[in-house]
């Protein structure tokens, strides 16, 4: 047993979860992108010899991307180790951890999306321009690469955000989880929907390959045409989601002037539950009940919070 009751297994569980998730997602991405590519362009790849060069380059870049992702995580790993050892973190360590939590998921997901998309777009353009692959097949190959790579990027965003959010709850103040949820929950829904959309397109591609007698030209054109057919209902769903869920973001926001907010909400029919309390000169907290009985927690930040305890749970 190490200091502060941590074990090596606990210490490496965070990194191990990310590594396992990355390996699994990479295998799924390879399946979703390589199999349709082989279905549409196997003869052209054999003739041109481009397949081996692209595979070697993609494999090398994936390893480089993993190394870079590990380097991005160093501030979080250092902060976790310090926190578990009972050491107070410096302002620089807190800022570096917050920056990694905010930026690393998008950085890692964008890198992998660009890698897979560039590889398939290169193959489609190269083989099509040399006359080795019919342009309808090249178009289908490009659509498969971009759409499936974006689905993998969405799944990777979900994985990294969830793992880093757990690290954030250990290292950084816990109360802001309410605001983080309000800001990110709609994005999480969209990421999940986009990953499912890419999986649906992959299933459609597999069904076309297995149960039809279409040529590579016909299959490529059909796969390209199914992309806008999937995107149109996706856009309608997102607009509906944005309209119906916008009020939730207002319910979970931290206010700048609690007294002014209470005065305005009282005029609209809200009532204060109990009283406004001061939590360690860090937050002023209260609950209000809306006209329809919805209970809402409000907070005004007074200074820098250092405790990991949730102040709303403590004062309620």
Protein backbone atom coordinates (compact mmCIF):
# COMPACT_ATOMS: atom_id res chain seq x y z
CA UNK A 1 0.00 0.00 0.00
CA UNK A 2 1.37 3.41 -0.93
CA UNK A 3 0.91 6.80 0.66
CA UNK A 4 -2.63 8.09 1.25
CA UNK A 5 -4.02 4.58 0.83
CA UNK A 6 -3.46 4.27 -2.90
CA UNK A 7 -2.24 1.13 -4.62
CA UNK A 8 -0.35 0.77 -7.92
CA UNK A 9 -3.49 -0.80 -9.41
CA UNK A 10 -5.52 2.27 -8.46
CA UNK A 11 -2.84 4.61 -9.70
CA UNK A 12 -2.69 3.06 -13.17
CA UNK A 13 -6.40 2.35 -13.56
CA UNK A 14 -7.04 5.72 -15.19
CA UNK A 15 -4.36 5.32 -17.87
CA UNK A 16 -5.21 1.65 -18.35
CA UNK A 17 -8.85 2.47 -19.07
CA UNK A 18 -7.86 5.00 -21.72
CA UNK A 19 -5.37 2.60 -23.31
CA UNK A 20 -7.92 -0.21 -23.49
CA UNK A 21 -10.52 2.16 -24.93
CA UNK A 22 -8.08 3.50 -27.51
CA UNK A 23 -7.06 0.05 -28.67
CA UNK A 24 -10.69 -1.05 -28.93
CA UNK A 25 -11.73 2.08 -30.84
CA UNK A 26 -8.79 1.74 -33.22
CA UNK A 27 -9.78 -1.83 -34.04
CA UNK A 28 -13.40 -0.76 -34.62
CA UNK A 29 -12.25 2.15 -36.85
CA UNK A 30 -10.07 -0.18 -38.87
CA UNK A 31 -13.00 -2.56 -39.32
CA UNK A 32 -15.44 0.21 -40.32
CA UNK A 33 -13.04 1.81 -42.81
CA UNK A 34 -10.80 -0.95 -44.14
CA UNK A 35 -13.55 -3.49 -44.91
CA UNK A 36 -15.63 -1.13 -47.12
CA UNK A 37 -12.41 0.05 -48.76
CA UNK A 38 -11.46 -3.49 -49.68
CA UNK A 39 -15.00 -4.19 -50.89
CA UNK A 40 -14.97 -1.22 -53.25
CA UNK A 41 -11.35 -1.08 -54.37
CA UNK A 42 -9.56 -4.43 -53.95
CA UNK A 43 -8.63 -4.87 -57.66
CA UNK A 44 -7.48 -1.25 -57.91
CA UNK A 45 -5.37 -1.56 -54.78
CA UNK A 46 -3.70 -4.70 -56.07
CA UNK A 47 -2.89 -3.09 -59.38
CA UNK A 48 -1.56 0.17 -57.96
CA UNK A 49 0.25 -1.12 -54.88
CA UNK A 50 -1.00 1.92 -52.95
CA UNK A 51 -2.64 -0.18 -50.25
CA UNK A 52 0.56 -1.37 -48.57
CA UNK A 53 2.10 2.10 -48.50
CA UNK A 54 -1.04 3.68 -47.04
CA UNK A 55 -1.44 0.95 -44.40
CA UNK A 56 2.18 1.35 -43.29
CA UNK A 57 1.84 5.13 -43.11
CA UNK A 58 -1.45 4.98 -41.20
CA UNK A 59 -0.05 2.45 -38.71
CA UNK A 60 2.98 4.67 -38.08
CA UNK A 61 0.84 7.77 -37.59
CA UNK A 62 -1.46 5.92 -35.19
CA UNK A 63 1.53 5.03 -33.00
CA UNK A 64 2.70 8.67 -33.14
CA UNK A 65 -0.80 9.82 -32.18
CA UNK A 66 -0.81 7.47 -29.18
CA UNK A 67 2.54 8.82 -28.01
CA UNK A 68 1.29 12.38 -28.34
CA UNK A 69 -1.92 11.53 -26.45
CA UNK A 70 0.15 10.09 -23.62
CA UNK A 71 2.20 13.27 -23.51
CA UNK A 72 -0.98 15.36 -23.28
CA UNK A 73 -2.05 13.43 -20.18
CA UNK A 74 1.08 14.13 -18.13
CA UNK A 75 -0.37 17.11 -16.19
CA UNK A 76 -3.47 15.09 -15.25
CA UNK A 77 -1.44 12.08 -14.13
CA UNK A 78 0.87 14.28 -12.07
CA UNK A 79 -2.07 16.10 -10.47
CA UNK A 80 -3.85 12.82 -9.64
CA UNK A 81 -0.70 11.47 -8.01
CA UNK A 82 -0.26 14.64 -5.98
CA UNK A 83 -3.88 14.73 -4.88
CA UNK A 84 -3.90 11.09 -3.81
CA UNK A 85 -0.70 11.70 -1.86
CA UNK A 86 -2.45 14.50 0.05
CA UNK A 87 -0.40 17.32 -1.49
CA UNK A 88 -2.00 20.69 -2.20
CA UNK A 89 -1.88 21.52 -5.90
CA UNK A 90 -0.41 24.78 -7.14
CA UNK A 91 -2.36 27.21 -9.30
CA UNK A 92 -0.23 26.18 -12.27
CA UNK A 93 -1.02 22.50 -11.81
CA UNK A 94 -4.75 23.23 -11.50
CA UNK A 95 -4.72 25.40 -14.64
CA UNK A 96 -2.74 22.78 -16.61
CA UNK A 97 -5.15 20.02 -15.57
CA UNK A 98 -8.19 22.12 -16.48
CA UNK A 99 -6.65 22.86 -19.87
CA UNK A 100 -6.02 19.17 -20.56
CA UNK A 101 -9.54 18.19 -19.49
CA UNK A 102 -10.99 20.81 -21.81
CA UNK A 103 -8.78 20.41 -24.89
CA UNK A 104 -7.34 16.88 -24.97
CA UNK A 105 -10.53 15.01 -26.05
CA UNK A 106 -11.03 17.29 -29.06
CA UNK A 107 -7.33 17.22 -29.93
CA UNK A 108 -7.14 13.41 -29.88
CA UNK A 109 -10.44 12.90 -31.72
CA UNK A 110 -9.59 15.48 -34.41
CA UNK A 111 -6.16 13.94 -34.99
CA UNK A 112 -7.59 10.48 -35.57
CA UNK A 113 -10.43 11.80 -37.75
CA UNK A 114 -7.96 13.68 -39.98
CA UNK A 115 -5.72 10.61 -40.21
CA UNK A 116 -8.41 8.20 -41.42
CA UNK A 117 -10.14 10.78 -43.61
CA UNK A 118 -6.90 11.84 -45.31
CA UNK A 119 -5.97 8.21 -46.00
CA UNK A 120 -9.31 7.34 -47.65
CA UNK A 121 -9.52 10.63 -49.55
CA UNK A 122 -6.00 10.08 -50.86
CA UNK A 123 -6.84 6.57 -52.03
CA UNK A 124 -10.10 7.67 -53.65
CA UNK A 125 -8.45 10.58 -55.47
CA UNK A 126 -5.33 8.67 -56.45
CA UNK A 127 -7.09 5.59 -57.76
CA UNK A 128 -9.80 7.60 -59.48
CA UNK A 129 -7.37 9.95 -61.23
CA UNK A 130 -5.32 7.03 -62.54
CA UNK A 131 -8.41 5.35 -63.96
CA UNK A 132 -8.03 2.31 -61.72
CA UNK A 133 -11.27 2.98 -59.84
CA UNK A 134 -14.54 4.23 -61.30
CA UNK A 135 -15.47 7.66 -59.99
CA UNK A 136 -18.75 6.46 -58.44
CA UNK A 137 -16.72 3.91 -56.46
CA UNK A 138 -14.18 6.59 -55.54
CA UNK A 139 -16.99 8.84 -54.34
CA UNK A 140 -18.43 6.05 -52.21
CA UNK A 141 -14.98 5.31 -50.79
CA UNK A 142 -14.50 8.95 -49.82
CA UNK A 143 -17.93 9.14 -48.16
CA UNK A 144 -17.31 5.93 -46.25
CA UNK A 145 -13.95 7.17 -45.01
CA UNK A 146 -15.13 10.59 -43.86
CA UNK A 147 -18.41 9.45 -42.30
CA UNK A 148 -17.03 6.40 -40.52
CA UNK A 149 -13.96 8.32 -39.33
CA UNK A 150 -16.21 11.03 -37.89
CA UNK A 151 -18.24 8.37 -36.09
CA UNK A 152 -15.06 6.99 -34.57
CA UNK A 153 -14.03 10.50 -33.56
CA UNK A 154 -17.39 11.02 -31.83
CA UNK A 155 -16.98 7.76 -29.90
CA UNK A 156 -13.42 8.77 -28.95
CA UNK A 157 -14.67 12.12 -27.68
CA UNK A 158 -17.16 10.35 -25.43
CA UNK A 159 -14.48 8.03 -24.06
CA UNK A 160 -11.93 10.76 -23.33
CA UNK A 161 -14.42 13.22 -21.88
CA UNK A 162 -15.81 10.65 -19.47
CA UNK A 163 -12.40 9.42 -18.34
CA UNK A 164 -11.03 12.94 -17.89
CA UNK A 165 -14.20 14.08 -16.10
CA UNK A 166 -13.56 11.40 -13.50
CA UNK A 167 -10.01 12.68 -13.09
CA UNK A 168 -11.33 16.22 -12.84
CA UNK A 169 -13.63 15.30 -9.96
CA UNK A 170 -10.61 14.04 -8.06
CA UNK A 171 -8.24 16.89 -8.84
CA UNK A 172 -10.45 19.95 -9.26
CA UNK A 173 -13.43 21.40 -7.32
CA UNK A 174 -16.54 19.23 -7.45
CA UNK A 175 -19.28 21.84 -7.49
CA UNK A 176 -18.76 22.94 -11.10
CA UNK A 177 -19.97 19.50 -12.23
CA UNK A 178 -23.46 21.01 -12.43
CA UNK A 179 -22.37 23.68 -14.85
CA UNK A 180 -20.20 21.24 -16.80
CA UNK A 181 -23.21 18.96 -17.23
CA UNK A 182 -25.38 21.82 -18.47
CA UNK A 183 -22.79 22.84 -21.03
CA UNK A 184 -21.85 19.38 -22.27
CA UNK A 185 -24.91 17.15 -22.06
CA UNK A 186 -26.33 18.27 -25.43
CA UNK A 187 -22.93 17.76 -27.05
CA UNK A 188 -22.76 14.27 -25.54
CA UNK A 189 -26.13 13.42 -27.05
CA UNK A 190 -24.98 14.63 -30.46
CA UNK A 191 -21.73 12.68 -30.21
CA UNK A 192 -23.64 9.52 -29.37
CA UNK A 193 -26.10 10.09 -32.21
CA UNK A 194 -23.27 10.69 -34.69
CA UNK A 195 -21.46 7.51 -33.66
CA UNK A 196 -24.70 5.55 -34.08
CA UNK A 197 -25.26 7.16 -37.49
CA UNK A 198 -21.81 6.05 -38.66
CA UNK A 199 -22.46 2.54 -37.34
CA UNK A 200 -25.79 2.47 -39.19
CA UNK A 201 -24.05 3.44 -42.42
CA UNK A 202 -21.46 0.72 -41.85
CA UNK A 203 -24.21 -1.87 -41.35
CA UNK A 204 -25.84 -0.64 -44.56
CA UNK A 205 -22.54 -1.04 -46.40
CA UNK A 206 -22.18 -4.60 -45.08
CA UNK A 207 -25.72 -5.52 -46.15
CA UNK A 208 -25.09 -4.14 -49.64
CA UNK A 209 -21.88 -6.16 -49.95
CA UNK A 210 -23.35 -9.43 -48.64
CA UNK A 211 -26.92 -9.52 -49.94
CA UNK A 212 -26.75 -7.75 -53.30
CA UNK A 213 -25.09 -8.45 -56.62
CA UNK A 214 -24.19 -4.81 -57.27
CA UNK A 215 -20.91 -3.92 -58.94
CA UNK A 216 -18.30 -1.80 -57.17
CA UNK A 217 -19.46 1.22 -59.19
CA UNK A 218 -23.09 0.70 -58.18
CA UNK A 219 -22.23 -0.01 -54.54
CA UNK A 220 -20.07 3.08 -54.28
CA UNK A 221 -22.78 5.30 -55.72
CA UNK A 222 -25.41 3.81 -53.41
CA UNK A 223 -23.19 4.32 -50.33
CA UNK A 224 -22.58 7.92 -51.32
CA UNK A 225 -26.30 8.57 -51.78
CA UNK A 226 -27.20 7.13 -48.37
CA UNK A 227 -25.10 9.80 -46.62
CA UNK A 228 -27.49 12.73 -47.30
CA UNK A 229 -30.41 10.39 -46.61
CA UNK A 230 -29.03 9.89 -43.10
CA UNK A 231 -27.89 13.47 -42.54
CA UNK A 232 -31.29 15.06 -43.30
CA UNK A 233 -33.19 13.43 -40.39
CA UNK A 234 -30.11 13.96 -38.20
CA UNK A 235 -30.32 17.71 -38.83
CA UNK A 236 -34.05 17.77 -38.03
CA UNK A 237 -33.41 15.86 -34.80
CA UNK A 238 -30.66 18.28 -33.75
CA UNK A 239 -32.82 21.35 -34.33
CA UNK A 240 -35.57 19.80 -32.23
CA UNK A 241 -33.08 18.88 -29.51
CA UNK A 242 -31.63 22.39 -29.44
CA UNK A 243 -35.06 23.96 -29.09
CA UNK A 244 -36.37 21.61 -26.41
CA UNK A 245 -33.29 21.48 -24.19
CA UNK A 246 -32.13 25.11 -24.22
CA UNK A 247 -33.90 26.00 -20.92
CA UNK A 248 -31.93 23.36 -19.00
CA UNK A 249 -28.71 25.28 -19.56
CA UNK A 250 -30.19 28.27 -17.78
CA UNK A 251 -31.28 26.15 -14.81
CA UNK A 252 -27.77 24.89 -14.10
CA UNK A 253 -25.75 28.09 -14.56
CA UNK A 254 -23.76 29.84 -11.84
CA UNK A 255 -25.05 33.40 -11.42
CA UNK A 256 -22.93 36.53 -11.02
CA UNK A 257 -25.31 38.42 -8.68
CA UNK A 258 -27.45 36.13 -6.55
CA UNK A 259 -29.55 38.91 -4.97
CA UNK A 260 -30.44 40.41 -8.34
CA UNK A 261 -31.27 36.98 -9.76
CA UNK A 262 -33.52 36.18 -6.81
CA UNK A 263 -35.32 39.50 -7.17
CA UNK A 264 -36.01 38.91 -10.85
CA UNK A 265 -37.10 35.29 -10.40
CA UNK A 266 -39.37 36.18 -7.48
CA UNK A 267 -41.25 38.57 -9.74
CA UNK A 268 -41.76 35.68 -12.14
CA UNK A 269 -43.34 33.49 -9.45
CA UNK A 270 -40.35 31.67 -7.95
CA UNK A 271 -40.08 31.28 -4.17
CA UNK A 272 -36.97 30.99 -2.01
CA UNK A 273 -36.60 27.69 -0.13
CA UNK A 274 -35.21 28.26 3.40
CA UNK A 275 -32.48 30.92 3.18
CA UNK A 276 -29.33 31.99 1.34
CA UNK A 277 -26.25 30.47 2.97
CA UNK A 278 -22.54 31.25 2.76
CA UNK A 279 -20.36 28.22 2.06
CA UNK A 280 -16.86 28.87 3.47
CA UNK A 281 -16.73 32.32 1.84
CA UNK A 282 -16.53 30.54 -1.53
CA UNK A 283 -20.18 30.38 -2.66
CA UNK A 284 -23.48 31.93 -1.67
CA UNK A 285 -26.04 29.18 -2.16
CA UNK A 286 -29.79 28.80 -2.13
CA UNK A 287 -32.64 26.81 -3.59
CA UNK A 288 -35.70 28.25 -5.30
CA UNK A 289 -38.90 26.57 -6.36
CA UNK A 290 -40.35 27.54 -9.71
CA UNK A 291 -44.05 28.09 -10.48
CA UNK A 292 -44.35 24.49 -11.69
CA UNK A 293 -42.63 23.06 -8.61
CA UNK A 294 -39.17 22.62 -10.17
CA UNK A 295 -36.42 22.89 -7.54
CA UNK A 296 -33.34 24.80 -8.75
CA UNK A 297 -30.02 25.36 -7.01
CA UNK A 298 -28.40 28.78 -7.49
CA UNK A 299 -24.85 29.78 -6.58
CA UNK A 300 -22.76 32.92 -6.66
CA UNK A 301 -19.02 32.32 -6.56
CA UNK A 302 -17.18 34.54 -4.07
CA UNK A 303 -13.66 33.18 -4.41
CA UNK A 304 -11.49 30.25 -5.46
CA UNK A 305 -12.88 26.93 -4.25
CA UNK A 306 -10.34 24.38 -3.00
CA UNK A 307 -12.54 21.71 -1.44
CA UNK A 308 -13.74 18.70 -3.43
CA UNK A 309 -16.94 18.46 -1.40
CA UNK A 310 -20.16 19.35 -3.18
CA UNK A 311 -21.45 22.46 -1.35
CA UNK A 312 -25.04 21.99 -2.46
CA UNK A 313 -25.15 18.49 -0.97
CA UNK A 314 -23.61 19.78 2.25
CA UNK A 315 -26.04 22.67 2.73
CA UNK A 316 -29.19 20.93 1.67
